[in-house]
Amino acid sequence: MAYLMPSEFATKMVDAGAEKIFMSSKDTLIRAFMAGAILALAAAFAITVMVKTGSPLVGALLFPVGFIMLYLMKFDLLTGVFTLVPLAIIDKRPGCTVPQMLRNWGLVFIGNFAGAISVAFMISFILTYGYNTDGGAIAAKVSTIGESRTVGYAAHGVDGWITIFIRGMLCNWMVSMGVVGAMISTSATGKMAAMWMPIMLFFFMAFEHSIVNMFLFPFSMIMGGDFTFMEYIIWNELPTALGNLVGGFVFVALPLYYTHVRQSADRKL
C-alpha cells in the first residue's frame, strides 16, 4: 500500500476539517444520516454474531466492516467531526469559526441520530414481526446492555458518570485513530487495514460510542429495557458524547497537529 508520512496526512486532517465546515446543510445531513444508519446496522450485526456464537471477540472482529463502509463512502460521524473540524479553527483557516463548527456538529448529531434510530425501529420490527412476537435472544441481550449501561451507571452516582465519560474518551481515542489511520494509505485495502484494529479494540473493550448508543439504547427501550429516555440521555449519551469529544480532540487531533503540522525547529547542537 502507498504510505503517507505523518506530516502529509496531518495536513489532510486540517483540510478535511475545513471541508466539513463549508459543506452544505443538505449534504451534511444526508451523509450523517447514512453514517448513523450504517453504524447501527454494523452494531446490530455484531450483537447478533455475539449472541449466536457466544463470543464477544468474534463480534468485535466483524464490527469494523460498518465503520469501513461509511468511511469509504465519505459519510460523517459525530466522533469524526469532533476530531477534525476544530483543527481548521486552530489553523485559522478563512471562514472557519466556532459558530460554524457548532453548526456542523449540530447537523451531524441530528443526522446520525435520525439514521441510528431509523435502523433501531427497522430491526425491532423485523425481530418481532411488527411487534407481534417476542424479540428473542437478541432483544433480551440488547435490553440487558441498555439497562446495565444507564441505570447501572446511575447506581454509582458521580463515579458512574465519570466512568462513562472516560469510556467515551477512550472510545474516540481509538475511533479517531481509525479515521486518521485511513489517511496513511492511498489504497482501499490499506485504509481498511489501518482502520480495523482500533475499531475492533474499542468495541471489544465495551468503550462508549455516542452514535452506536444512538441505536443501541432506543432499540433497547423498544425491546423492553427498563429505563427512561432521560436516563439514557443523562447517564449515557451526554457523558459519552463529551468523552468522545475529549478523546478525539485531545488524544488524537492536537498531538498530531502540534508535532507534524506545527512542528518545532530541530535542535542545534
C-alpha atoms as a PDB file:
ATOM      1  CA  MET A   1       0.000   0.000   0.000  1.00  0.00           C
ATOM      2  CA  ALA A   2       1.154   3.577  -0.646  1.00  0.00           C
ATOM      3  CA  TYR A   3       2.169   5.182   2.655  1.00  0.00           C
ATOM      4  CA  LEU A   4       1.929   8.861   3.567  1.00  0.00           C
ATOM      5  CA  MET A   5       4.212  10.399   6.169  1.00  0.00           C
ATOM      6  CA  PRO A   6       2.535  11.874   9.277  1.00  0.00           C
ATOM      7  CA  SER A   7       3.394  15.401   8.150  1.00  0.00           C
ATOM      8  CA  GLU A   8       1.403  14.751   4.958  1.00  0.00           C
ATOM      9  CA  PHE A   9      -1.718  13.200   6.448  1.00  0.00           C
ATOM     10  CA  ALA A  10      -1.791  15.647   9.378  1.00  0.00           C
ATOM     11  CA  THR A  11      -2.245  18.458   6.874  1.00  0.00           C
ATOM     12  CA  LYS A  12      -5.005  16.391   5.247  1.00  0.00           C
ATOM     13  CA  MET A  13      -6.730  16.282   8.641  1.00  0.00           C
ATOM     14  CA  VAL A  14      -6.902  20.086   8.726  1.00  0.00           C
ATOM     15  CA  ASP A  15      -8.121  20.172   5.113  1.00  0.00           C
ATOM     16  CA  ALA A  16     -10.843  17.657   5.958  1.00  0.00           C
ATOM     17  CA  GLY A  17     -11.974  19.721   8.944  1.00  0.00           C
ATOM     18  CA  ALA A  18     -12.301  22.859   6.818  1.00  0.00           C
ATOM     19  CA  GLU A  19     -14.129  20.932   4.083  1.00  0.00           C
ATOM     20  CA  LYS A  20     -16.775  19.799   6.576  1.00  0.00           C
ATOM     21  CA  ILE A  21     -17.405  23.355   7.784  1.00  0.00           C
ATOM     22  CA  PHE A  22     -18.102  24.560   4.237  1.00  0.00           C
ATOM     23  CA  MET A  23     -20.251  21.564   3.256  1.00  0.00           C
ATOM     24  CA  SER A  24     -23.903  22.407   2.563  1.00  0.00           C
ATOM     25  CA  SER A  25     -26.557  21.608   5.168  1.00  0.00           C
ATOM     26  CA  LYS A  26     -28.211  19.133   2.786  1.00  0.00           C
ATOM     27  CA  ASP A  27     -25.028  17.170   2.161  1.00  0.00           C
ATOM     28  CA  THR A  28     -24.033  17.255   5.832  1.00  0.00           C
ATOM     29  CA  LEU A  29     -27.401  15.866   6.951  1.00  0.00           C
ATOM     30  CA  ILE A  30     -27.555  13.156   4.282  1.00  0.00           C
ATOM     31  CA  ARG A  31     -24.013  11.965   4.940  1.00  0.00           C
ATOM     32  CA  ALA A  32     -24.595  12.000   8.697  1.00  0.00           C
ATOM     33  CA  PHE A  33     -27.882  10.098   8.337  1.00  0.00           C
ATOM     34  CA  MET A  34     -26.221   7.390   6.261  1.00  0.00           C
ATOM     35  CA  ALA A  35     -23.277   7.152   8.676  1.00  0.00           C
ATOM     36  CA  GLY A  36     -25.599   6.685  11.662  1.00  0.00           C
ATOM     37  CA  ALA A  37     -27.679   4.098   9.829  1.00  0.00           C
ATOM     38  CA  ILE A  38     -24.720   2.051   8.604  1.00  0.00           C
ATOM     39  CA  LEU A  39     -23.025   2.067  12.010  1.00  0.00           C
ATOM     40  CA  ALA A  40     -26.317   0.993  13.600  1.00  0.00           C
ATOM     41  CA  LEU A  41     -26.563  -1.927  11.176  1.00  0.00           C
ATOM     42  CA  ALA A  42     -22.983  -2.893  11.999  1.00  0.00           C
ATOM     43  CA  ALA A  43     -23.799  -2.818  15.726  1.00  0.00           C
ATOM     44  CA  ALA A  44     -26.903  -4.971  15.169  1.00  0.00           C
ATOM     45  CA  PHE A  45     -24.791  -7.377  13.113  1.00  0.00           C
ATOM     46  CA  ALA A  46     -22.068  -7.597  15.764  1.00  0.00           C
ATOM     47  CA  ILE A  47     -24.570  -8.196  18.576  1.00  0.00           C
ATOM     48  CA  THR A  48     -26.293 -10.904  16.506  1.00  0.00           C
ATOM     49  CA  VAL A  49     -22.938 -12.605  15.947  1.00  0.00           C
ATOM     50  CA  MET A  50     -22.133 -12.381  19.666  1.00  0.00           C
ATOM     51  CA  VAL A  51     -25.470 -13.926  20.640  1.00  0.00           C
ATOM     52  CA  LYS A  52     -25.325 -16.730  18.075  1.00  0.00           C
ATOM     53  CA  THR A  53     -21.651 -17.630  18.625  1.00  0.00           C
ATOM     54  CA  GLY A  54     -21.387 -16.785  22.323  1.00  0.00           C
ATOM     55  CA  SER A  55     -18.117 -14.994  21.527  1.00  0.00           C
ATOM     56  CA  PRO A  56     -17.761 -11.214  22.051  1.00  0.00           C
ATOM     57  CA  LEU A  57     -14.400 -11.397  20.283  1.00  0.00           C
ATOM     58  CA  VAL A  58     -15.961 -12.617  17.032  1.00  0.00           C
ATOM     59  CA  GLY A  59     -18.494  -9.787  17.178  1.00  0.00           C
ATOM     60  CA  ALA A  60     -15.695  -7.275  17.745  1.00  0.00           C
ATOM     61  CA  LEU A  61     -13.677  -8.722  14.855  1.00  0.00           C
ATOM     62  CA  LEU A  62     -16.581  -8.198  12.459  1.00  0.00           C
ATOM     63  CA  PHE A  63     -17.984  -4.876  13.707  1.00  0.00           C
ATOM     64  CA  PRO A  64     -15.395  -2.706  11.836  1.00  0.00           C
ATOM     65  CA  VAL A  65     -16.991  -3.585   8.468  1.00  0.00           C
ATOM     66  CA  GLY A  66     -19.658  -0.925   9.128  1.00  0.00           C
ATOM     67  CA  PHE A  67     -17.152   1.749  10.022  1.00  0.00           C
ATOM     68  CA  ILE A  68     -15.098   0.918   6.932  1.00  0.00           C
ATOM     69  CA  MET A  69     -18.140   1.127   4.655  1.00  0.00           C
ATOM     70  CA  LEU A  70     -19.222   4.530   5.902  1.00  0.00           C
ATOM     71  CA  TYR A  71     -15.670   5.911   5.809  1.00  0.00           C
ATOM     72  CA  LEU A  72     -15.074   4.808   2.218  1.00  0.00           C
ATOM     73  CA  MET A  73     -18.382   6.449   1.225  1.00  0.00           C
ATOM     74  CA  LYS A  74     -17.242   9.696   2.942  1.00  0.00           C
ATOM     75  CA  PHE A  75     -20.180   9.695   5.352  1.00  0.00           C
ATOM     76  CA  ASP A  76     -19.729  11.616   8.604  1.00  0.00           C
ATOM     77  CA  LEU A  77     -19.903  10.535  12.235  1.00  0.00           C
ATOM     78  CA  LEU A  78     -20.054  12.961  15.136  1.00  0.00           C
ATOM     79  CA  THR A  79     -16.954  11.317  16.586  1.00  0.00           C
ATOM     80  CA  GLY A  80     -15.019  12.109  13.419  1.00  0.00           C
ATOM     81  CA  VAL A  81     -16.027  15.772  13.187  1.00  0.00           C
ATOM     82  CA  PHE A  82     -15.222  16.179  16.893  1.00  0.00           C
ATOM     83  CA  THR A  83     -11.637  15.366  15.925  1.00  0.00           C
ATOM     84  CA  LEU A  84     -11.181  17.055  12.560  1.00  0.00           C
ATOM     85  CA  VAL A  85     -13.266  20.241  12.491  1.00  0.00           C
ATOM     86  CA  PRO A  86     -11.588  22.050  15.437  1.00  0.00           C
ATOM     87  CA  LEU A  87      -8.247  21.775  13.641  1.00  0.00           C
ATOM     88  CA  ALA A  88      -9.475  24.125  10.901  1.00  0.00           C
ATOM     89  CA  ILE A  89     -10.160  26.750  13.574  1.00  0.00           C
ATOM     90  CA  ILE A  90      -6.828  26.234  15.348  1.00  0.00           C
ATOM     91  CA  ASP A  91      -5.097  26.518  11.964  1.00  0.00           C
ATOM     92  CA  LYS A  92      -7.012  29.786  11.355  1.00  0.00           C
ATOM     93  CA  ARG A  93      -8.457  28.717   8.025  1.00  0.00           C
ATOM     94  CA  PRO A  94     -10.514  31.574   6.499  1.00  0.00           C
ATOM     95  CA  GLY A  95     -14.209  31.303   7.374  1.00  0.00           C
ATOM     96  CA  CYS A  96     -13.677  28.578   9.954  1.00  0.00           C
ATOM     97  CA  THR A  97     -15.117  29.833  13.240  1.00  0.00           C
ATOM     98  CA  VAL A  98     -16.515  28.363  16.443  1.00  0.00           C
ATOM     99  CA  PRO A  99     -20.167  29.075  15.459  1.00  0.00           C
ATOM    100  CA  GLN A 100     -19.565  27.317  12.119  1.00  0.00           C
ATOM    101  CA  MET A 101     -18.014  24.362  13.944  1.00  0.00           C
ATOM    102  CA  LEU A 102     -21.011  24.116  16.289  1.00  0.00           C
ATOM    103  CA  ARG A 103     -23.328  24.269  13.264  1.00  0.00           C
ATOM    104  CA  ASN A 104     -21.513  21.314  11.733  1.00  0.00           C
ATOM    105  CA  TRP A 105     -21.592  19.339  14.975  1.00  0.00           C
ATOM    106  CA  GLY A 106     -25.311  20.022  15.421  1.00  0.00           C
ATOM    107  CA  LEU A 107     -26.228  18.922  11.893  1.00  0.00           C
ATOM    108  CA  VAL A 108     -24.098  15.777  12.149  1.00  0.00           C
ATOM    109  CA  PHE A 109     -25.647  14.937  15.521  1.00  0.00           C
ATOM    110  CA  ILE A 110     -29.167  15.277  14.089  1.00  0.00           C
ATOM    111  CA  GLY A 111     -28.305  13.202  11.014  1.00  0.00           C
ATOM    112  CA  ASN A 112     -26.539  10.476  12.992  1.00  0.00           C
ATOM    113  CA  PHE A 113     -29.407  10.208  15.479  1.00  0.00           C
ATOM    114  CA  ALA A 114     -32.033  10.062  12.730  1.00  0.00           C
ATOM    115  CA  GLY A 115     -30.131   7.329  10.887  1.00  0.00           C
ATOM    116  CA  ALA A 116     -29.446   5.269  14.013  1.00  0.00           C
ATOM    117  CA  ILE A 117     -32.996   5.437  15.386  1.00  0.00           C
ATOM    118  CA  SER A 118     -34.445   4.600  11.954  1.00  0.00           C
ATOM    119  CA  VAL A 119     -32.457   1.372  11.952  1.00  0.00           C
ATOM    120  CA  ALA A 120     -33.487   0.720  15.580  1.00  0.00           C
ATOM    121  CA  PHE A 121     -37.143   0.750  14.512  1.00  0.00           C
ATOM    122  CA  MET A 122     -36.496  -1.392  11.430  1.00  0.00           C
ATOM    123  CA  ILE A 123     -34.515  -4.045  13.295  1.00  0.00           C
ATOM    124  CA  SER A 124     -37.023  -4.147  16.161  1.00  0.00           C
ATOM    125  CA  PHE A 125     -39.871  -4.502  13.637  1.00  0.00           C
ATOM    126  CA  ILE A 126     -38.361  -7.449  11.800  1.00  0.00           C
ATOM    127  CA  LEU A 127     -37.333  -9.231  15.009  1.00  0.00           C
ATOM    128  CA  THR A 128     -40.913  -9.083  16.323  1.00  0.00           C
ATOM    129  CA  TYR A 129     -42.867  -9.397  13.041  1.00  0.00           C
ATOM    130  CA  GLY A 130     -44.347  -5.939  13.523  1.00  0.00           C
ATOM    131  CA  TYR A 131     -44.221  -6.015  17.341  1.00  0.00           C
ATOM    132  CA  ASN A 132     -46.469  -9.097  17.470  1.00  0.00           C
ATOM    133  CA  THR A 133     -43.966 -11.591  18.881  1.00  0.00           C
ATOM    134  CA  ASP A 134     -41.110 -11.681  21.366  1.00  0.00           C
ATOM    135  CA  GLY A 135     -37.795 -10.374  20.062  1.00  0.00           C
ATOM    136  CA  GLY A 136     -35.922 -13.480  21.211  1.00  0.00           C
ATOM    137  CA  ALA A 137     -32.370 -13.771  22.477  1.00  0.00           C
ATOM    138  CA  ILE A 138     -31.090 -10.730  20.573  1.00  0.00           C
ATOM    139  CA  ALA A 139     -33.750  -8.432  22.031  1.00  0.00           C
ATOM    140  CA  ALA A 140     -33.084  -9.802  25.517  1.00  0.00           C
ATOM    141  CA  LYS A 141     -29.352  -9.217  25.132  1.00  0.00           C
ATOM    142  CA  VAL A 142     -29.797  -5.623  23.963  1.00  0.00           C
ATOM    143  CA  SER A 143     -32.273  -4.871  26.762  1.00  0.00           C
ATOM    144  CA  THR A 144     -29.738  -6.094  29.311  1.00  0.00           C
ATOM    145  CA  ILE A 145     -26.993  -3.963  27.776  1.00  0.00           C
ATOM    146  CA  GLY A 146     -29.234  -0.886  27.799  1.00  0.00           C
ATOM    147  CA  GLU A 147     -30.172  -1.269  31.453  1.00  0.00           C
ATOM    148  CA  SER A 148     -26.640  -2.008  32.683  1.00  0.00           C
ATOM    149  CA  ARG A 149     -25.215   0.993  30.830  1.00  0.00           C
ATOM    150  CA  THR A 150     -27.773   3.539  32.047  1.00  0.00           C
ATOM    151  CA  VAL A 151     -29.280   2.701  35.442  1.00  0.00           C
ATOM    152  CA  GLY A 152     -26.193   0.572  36.067  1.00  0.00           C
ATOM    153  CA  TYR A 153     -24.027   3.689  35.873  1.00  0.00           C
ATOM    154  CA  ALA A 154     -26.607   5.775  37.749  1.00  0.00           C
ATOM    155  CA  ALA A 155     -26.353   3.404  40.717  1.00  0.00           C
ATOM    156  CA  HIS A 156     -22.761   4.620  41.214  1.00  0.00           C
ATOM    157  CA  GLY A 157     -23.682   8.330  41.136  1.00  0.00           C
ATOM    158  CA  VAL A 158     -20.934  10.755  40.143  1.00  0.00           C
ATOM    159  CA  ASP A 159     -18.385   7.954  39.893  1.00  0.00           C
ATOM    160  CA  GLY A 160     -20.633   6.200  37.382  1.00  0.00           C
ATOM    161  CA  TRP A 161     -20.950   9.381  35.300  1.00  0.00           C
ATOM    162  CA  ILE A 162     -17.163   9.854  35.300  1.00  0.00           C
ATOM    163  CA  THR A 163     -16.706   6.195  34.393  1.00  0.00           C
ATOM    164  CA  ILE A 164     -18.845   6.503  31.288  1.00  0.00           C
ATOM    165  CA  PHE A 165     -17.120   9.795  30.383  1.00  0.00           C
ATOM    166  CA  ILE A 166     -13.742   8.036  30.481  1.00  0.00           C
ATOM    167  CA  ARG A 167     -15.125   5.107  28.475  1.00  0.00           C
ATOM    168  CA  GLY A 168     -16.303   7.624  25.877  1.00  0.00           C
ATOM    169  CA  MET A 169     -12.906   9.298  25.877  1.00  0.00           C
ATOM    170  CA  LEU A 170     -11.058   6.014  25.360  1.00  0.00           C
ATOM    171  CA  CYS A 171     -13.533   5.062  22.637  1.00  0.00           C
ATOM    172  CA  ASN A 172     -12.933   8.077  20.436  1.00  0.00           C
ATOM    173  CA  TRP A 173      -9.213   7.917  21.045  1.00  0.00           C
ATOM    174  CA  MET A 174      -9.363   4.582  19.212  1.00  0.00           C
ATOM    175  CA  VAL A 175     -12.065   5.523  16.685  1.00  0.00           C
ATOM    176  CA  SER A 176     -10.183   8.675  15.701  1.00  0.00           C
ATOM    177  CA  MET A 177      -7.009   6.645  15.308  1.00  0.00           C
ATOM    178  CA  GLY A 178      -9.013   4.649  12.778  1.00  0.00           C
ATOM    179  CA  VAL A 179     -10.138   7.821  10.971  1.00  0.00           C
ATOM    180  CA  VAL A 180      -6.610   9.200  10.890  1.00  0.00           C
ATOM    181  CA  GLY A 181      -5.089   5.796  10.180  1.00  0.00           C
ATOM    182  CA  ALA A 182      -7.112   5.586   6.981  1.00  0.00           C
ATOM    183  CA  MET A 183      -5.340   8.741   5.777  1.00  0.00           C
ATOM    184  CA  ILE A 184      -1.975   6.977   5.983  1.00  0.00           C
ATOM    185  CA  SER A 185      -2.716   4.950   2.858  1.00  0.00           C
ATOM    186  CA  THR A 186      -3.970   5.877  -0.593  1.00  0.00           C
ATOM    187  CA  SER A 187      -5.270   2.362  -1.349  1.00  0.00           C
ATOM    188  CA  ALA A 188      -8.641   0.947  -0.247  1.00  0.00           C
ATOM    189  CA  THR A 189      -7.059  -2.183   1.241  1.00  0.00           C
ATOM    190  CA  GLY A 190      -4.506  -0.103   3.136  1.00  0.00           C
ATOM    191  CA  LYS A 191      -7.236   2.120   4.560  1.00  0.00           C
ATOM    192  CA  MET A 192      -9.238  -0.938   5.677  1.00  0.00           C
ATOM    193  CA  ALA A 193      -6.258  -2.491   7.427  1.00  0.00           C
ATOM    194  CA  ALA A 194      -5.390   0.745   9.231  1.00  0.00           C
ATOM    195  CA  MET A 195      -8.981   1.195  10.458  1.00  0.00           C
ATOM    196  CA  TRP A 196      -9.682  -2.361  11.553  1.00  0.00           C
ATOM    197  CA  MET A 197      -7.573  -2.733  14.689  1.00  0.00           C
ATOM    198  CA  PRO A 198      -8.526   0.415  16.664  1.00  0.00           C
ATOM    199  CA  ILE A 199     -12.235  -0.035  15.846  1.00  0.00           C
ATOM    200  CA  MET A 200     -12.136  -3.667  16.933  1.00  0.00           C
ATOM    201  CA  LEU A 201     -10.348  -2.660  20.137  1.00  0.00           C
ATOM    202  CA  PHE A 202     -12.968  -0.083  21.179  1.00  0.00           C
ATOM    203  CA  PHE A 203     -15.864  -2.465  20.519  1.00  0.00           C
ATOM    204  CA  PHE A 204     -14.360  -5.436  22.343  1.00  0.00           C
ATOM    205  CA  MET A 205     -13.401  -3.293  25.341  1.00  0.00           C
ATOM    206  CA  ALA A 206     -17.011  -2.021  25.584  1.00  0.00           C
ATOM    207  CA  PHE A 207     -15.960   1.614  25.370  1.00  0.00           C
ATOM    208  CA  GLU A 208     -18.837   4.040  24.773  1.00  0.00           C
ATOM    209  CA  HIS A 209     -19.506   5.409  21.278  1.00  0.00           C
ATOM    210  CA  SER A 210     -22.202   8.084  21.088  1.00  0.00           C
ATOM    211  CA  ILE A 211     -23.517   7.047  17.658  1.00  0.00           C
ATOM    212  CA  VAL A 212     -23.577   3.314  18.394  1.00  0.00           C
ATOM    213  CA  ASN A 213     -25.522   4.256  21.522  1.00  0.00           C
ATOM    214  CA  MET A 214     -27.997   6.291  19.451  1.00  0.00           C
ATOM    215  CA  PHE A 215     -29.038   2.919  18.025  1.00  0.00           C
ATOM    216  CA  LEU A 216     -28.440   0.661  20.981  1.00  0.00           C
ATOM    217  CA  PHE A 217     -30.447   2.446  23.652  1.00  0.00           C
ATOM    218  CA  PRO A 218     -33.578   3.396  21.677  1.00  0.00           C
ATOM    219  CA  PHE A 219     -33.553  -0.197  20.372  1.00  0.00           C
ATOM    220  CA  SER A 220     -33.235  -1.469  23.932  1.00  0.00           C
ATOM    221  CA  MET A 221     -36.166   0.711  25.060  1.00  0.00           C
ATOM    222  CA  ILE A 222     -38.336  -0.568  22.196  1.00  0.00           C
ATOM    223  CA  MET A 223     -37.425  -4.128  23.170  1.00  0.00           C
ATOM    224  CA  GLY A 224     -38.458  -3.586  26.783  1.00  0.00           C
ATOM    225  CA  GLY A 225     -35.368  -2.209  28.510  1.00  0.00           C
ATOM    226  CA  ASP A 226     -36.282  -0.910  31.964  1.00  0.00           C
ATOM    227  CA  PHE A 227     -35.008   2.677  31.804  1.00  0.00           C
ATOM    228  CA  THR A 228     -36.324   6.023  30.601  1.00  0.00           C
ATOM    229  CA  PHE A 229     -35.268   8.273  27.734  1.00  0.00           C
ATOM    230  CA  MET A 230     -33.957  10.881  30.183  1.00  0.00           C
ATOM    231  CA  GLU A 231     -31.893   8.223  31.987  1.00  0.00           C
ATOM    232  CA  TYR A 232     -30.400   7.309  28.615  1.00  0.00           C
ATOM    233  CA  ILE A 233     -29.530  10.971  27.869  1.00  0.00           C
ATOM    234  CA  ILE A 234     -28.139  11.851  31.307  1.00  0.00           C
ATOM    235  CA  TRP A 235     -26.458   8.553  32.167  1.00  0.00           C
ATOM    236  CA  ASN A 236     -25.172   7.599  28.748  1.00  0.00           C
ATOM    237  CA  GLU A 237     -25.475   9.863  25.699  1.00  0.00           C
ATOM    238  CA  LEU A 238     -24.343  13.124  27.338  1.00  0.00           C
ATOM    239  CA  PRO A 239     -21.221  11.852  29.151  1.00  0.00           C
ATOM    240  CA  THR A 240     -20.406   9.588  26.205  1.00  0.00           C
ATOM    241  CA  ALA A 241     -20.540  12.457  23.683  1.00  0.00           C
ATOM    242  CA  LEU A 242     -18.433  14.694  25.927  1.00  0.00           C
ATOM    243  CA  GLY A 243     -15.919  11.894  26.434  1.00  0.00           C
ATOM    244  CA  ASN A 244     -15.845  11.261  22.672  1.00  0.00           C
ATOM    245  CA  LEU A 245     -15.095  14.957  22.102  1.00  0.00           C
ATOM    246  CA  VAL A 246     -12.193  14.995  24.577  1.00  0.00           C
ATOM    247  CA  GLY A 247     -10.774  11.658  23.414  1.00  0.00           C
ATOM    248  CA  GLY A 248     -10.693  12.501  19.724  1.00  0.00           C
ATOM    249  CA  PHE A 249      -9.554  16.107  20.052  1.00  0.00           C
ATOM    250  CA  VAL A 250      -7.082  15.899  22.955  1.00  0.00           C
ATOM    251  CA  PHE A 251      -5.511  12.489  22.315  1.00  0.00           C
ATOM    252  CA  VAL A 252      -5.502  12.399  18.511  1.00  0.00           C
ATOM    253  CA  ALA A 253      -6.042  15.769  16.812  1.00  0.00           C
ATOM    254  CA  LEU A 254      -3.898  18.039  18.984  1.00  0.00           C
ATOM    255  CA  PRO A 255      -0.818  15.777  19.309  1.00  0.00           C
ATOM    256  CA  LEU A 256      -0.690  15.144  15.556  1.00  0.00           C
ATOM    257  CA  TYR A 257      -1.290  18.805  14.711  1.00  0.00           C
ATOM    258  CA  TYR A 258       1.289  20.264  17.067  1.00  0.00           C
ATOM    259  CA  THR A 259       4.031  17.794  16.254  1.00  0.00           C
ATOM    260  CA  HIS A 260       3.501  17.353  12.497  1.00  0.00           C
ATOM    261  CA  VAL A 261       1.741  20.495  11.192  1.00  0.00           C
ATOM    262  CA  ARG A 262       3.235  22.935  13.698  1.00  0.00           C
ATOM    263  CA  GLN A 263       6.477  21.027  14.174  1.00  0.00           C
ATOM    264  CA  SER A 264       9.155  22.889  16.121  1.00  0.00           C
ATOM    265  CA  ALA A 265      12.547  23.587  14.610  1.00  0.00           C
ATOM    266  CA  ASP A 266      15.198  20.930  15.149  1.00  0.00           C
ATOM    267  CA  ARG A 267      17.655  21.494  17.965  1.00  0.00           C
ATOM    268  CA  LYS A 268      21.101  22.760  17.030  1.00  0.00           C
ATOM    269  CA  LEU A 269      23.895  21.038  18.945  1.00  0.00           C
END
